[in-house]
Amino acid sequence: MRHQKKQSKLGGRPRDARRLLLGNLATSLIIHEKIQTTQARAKAVQPLVDELIHIAKTKDKRMAIRSLNSVLHSELSSRKVMEELVKRYSERTSGFTRITAIKFRAGDAAPIVQIDLV
């Protein structure tokens, strides 16, 4: 039974494909600091990015790098989190990302949003 197991499946993807999609979205968001994607994908990646920044702020450097590298697919992105974003968000405890509605996609009318680092 799936009691208390609510999680977005992101279009019925298998677990590995969903993990890779979220890792790629998180990597792009950290490198470019803002991306445009569908609302469902943005809502799925937002807690992941917030958690990664929180881990980088609270854990010791070695364990934080291991945690970041398990999710992110680029050394540049994990380096940016450890060097730039930790300093930028030193005073902030949560809410590192913002989702803003932009438009609806022409093909299927899916809501397109912009997710960016605050």
Protein backbone atom coordinates (compact mmCIF):
# COMPACT_ATOMS: atom_id res chain seq x y z
CA MET A 1 0.00 0.00 0.00
CA ARG A 2 1.13 3.55 -0.68
CA HIS A 3 -0.20 5.27 2.43
CA GLN A 4 1.63 8.52 3.22
CA LYS A 5 3.87 8.16 0.16
CA LYS A 6 2.77 11.17 -1.86
CA GLN A 7 5.39 12.07 -4.45
CA SER A 8 5.18 13.55 -7.90
CA LYS A 9 6.01 10.98 -10.55
CA LEU A 10 6.75 13.63 -13.19
CA GLY A 11 4.84 12.00 -15.99
CA GLY A 12 5.16 8.39 -14.86
CA ARG A 13 8.92 8.22 -15.36
CA PRO A 14 10.90 5.40 -13.83
CA ARG A 15 12.83 6.24 -10.66
CA ASP A 16 16.23 6.45 -12.37
CA ALA A 17 14.97 8.73 -15.14
CA ARG A 18 13.29 10.97 -12.57
CA ARG A 19 16.52 11.17 -10.51
CA LEU A 20 18.55 12.09 -13.59
CA LEU A 21 16.00 14.71 -14.67
CA LEU A 22 16.02 16.36 -11.25
CA GLY A 23 19.82 16.23 -11.10
CA ASN A 24 20.11 17.90 -14.50
CA LEU A 25 17.57 20.58 -13.57
CA ALA A 26 19.36 21.27 -10.28
CA THR A 27 22.74 21.46 -12.05
CA SER A 28 21.40 23.91 -14.64
CA LEU A 29 19.69 26.03 -12.01
CA ILE A 30 22.85 26.34 -9.94
CA ILE A 31 25.10 27.13 -12.90
CA HIS A 32 22.79 29.61 -14.67
CA GLU A 33 20.93 30.81 -11.52
CA LYS A 34 17.60 30.78 -13.36
CA ILE A 35 15.87 28.43 -15.76
CA GLN A 36 12.50 28.18 -17.47
CA THR A 37 10.65 24.88 -17.13
CA THR A 38 7.19 23.51 -16.49
CA GLN A 39 5.51 24.12 -13.18
CA ALA A 40 5.57 20.45 -12.18
CA ARG A 41 9.31 20.14 -12.78
CA ALA A 42 10.02 23.39 -10.94
CA LYS A 43 8.01 22.26 -7.92
CA ALA A 44 9.87 18.95 -7.93
CA VAL A 45 13.37 20.48 -8.14
CA GLN A 46 12.83 23.37 -5.69
CA PRO A 47 13.10 21.33 -2.46
CA LEU A 48 16.10 19.48 -3.87
CA VAL A 49 18.06 22.69 -4.55
CA ASP A 50 17.07 24.17 -1.19
CA GLU A 51 18.27 21.01 0.55
CA LEU A 52 21.59 21.03 -1.31
CA ILE A 53 22.31 24.61 -0.28
CA HIS A 54 21.31 23.83 3.30
CA ILE A 55 23.63 20.80 3.34
CA ALA A 56 26.50 22.91 2.02
CA LYS A 57 25.93 25.46 4.78
CA THR A 58 25.59 23.08 7.71
CA LYS A 59 27.74 19.99 7.10
CA ASP A 60 31.51 19.90 7.15
CA LYS A 61 33.16 20.46 3.78
CA ARG A 62 34.05 16.85 2.97
CA MET A 63 30.57 15.45 3.66
CA ALA A 64 28.88 18.38 1.90
CA ILE A 65 30.91 17.80 -1.26
CA ARG A 66 29.99 14.11 -1.24
CA SER A 67 26.31 14.94 -0.88
CA LEU A 68 26.44 17.53 -3.65
CA ASN A 69 28.29 15.24 -6.05
CA SER A 70 25.74 12.48 -5.55
CA VAL A 71 23.03 14.73 -7.02
CA LEU A 72 24.75 17.29 -9.23
CA HIS A 73 26.32 16.27 -12.54
CA SER A 74 29.01 18.91 -12.83
CA GLU A 75 32.02 19.80 -10.74
CA LEU A 76 31.42 23.45 -11.64
CA SER A 77 28.00 23.41 -10.03
CA SER A 78 29.14 21.82 -6.78
CA ARG A 79 32.07 24.23 -6.61
CA LYS A 80 29.70 27.17 -7.12
CA VAL A 81 27.49 25.99 -4.28
CA MET A 82 30.43 25.58 -1.91
CA GLU A 83 32.20 28.85 -2.77
CA GLU A 84 29.58 31.38 -3.87
CA LEU A 85 26.13 30.33 -2.71
CA VAL A 86 27.13 29.49 0.86
CA LYS A 87 28.52 33.02 1.27
CA ARG A 88 25.51 34.60 -0.44
CA TYR A 89 22.97 32.80 1.76
CA SER A 90 24.89 32.90 5.04
CA GLU A 91 22.19 35.02 6.71
CA ARG A 92 19.21 33.23 5.16
CA THR A 93 17.91 30.01 6.74
CA SER A 94 15.58 28.83 3.97
CA GLY A 95 13.79 29.95 0.83
CA PHE A 96 16.75 30.01 -1.53
CA THR A 97 14.65 29.67 -4.71
CA ARG A 98 11.68 31.49 -6.19
CA ILE A 99 9.12 30.26 -8.75
CA THR A 100 7.47 32.86 -10.99
CA ALA A 101 4.76 32.09 -13.54
CA ILE A 102 5.57 33.25 -17.08
CA LYS A 103 3.24 31.87 -19.73
CA PHE A 104 1.54 28.77 -21.09
CA ARG A 105 3.32 26.54 -23.59
CA ALA A 106 1.82 26.70 -27.07
CA GLY A 107 1.72 22.97 -27.80
CA ASP A 108 -0.06 21.58 -24.74
CA ALA A 109 -0.86 24.68 -22.64
CA ALA A 110 1.42 23.53 -19.84
CA PRO A 111 2.24 26.34 -17.41
CA ILE A 112 5.80 27.57 -17.92
CA VAL A 113 7.53 29.10 -14.90
CA GLN A 114 10.90 30.60 -14.14
CA ILE A 115 12.73 29.23 -11.12
CA ASP A 116 15.64 31.31 -9.92
CA LEU A 117 17.95 31.65 -6.97
CA VAL A 118 16.90 34.52 -4.72
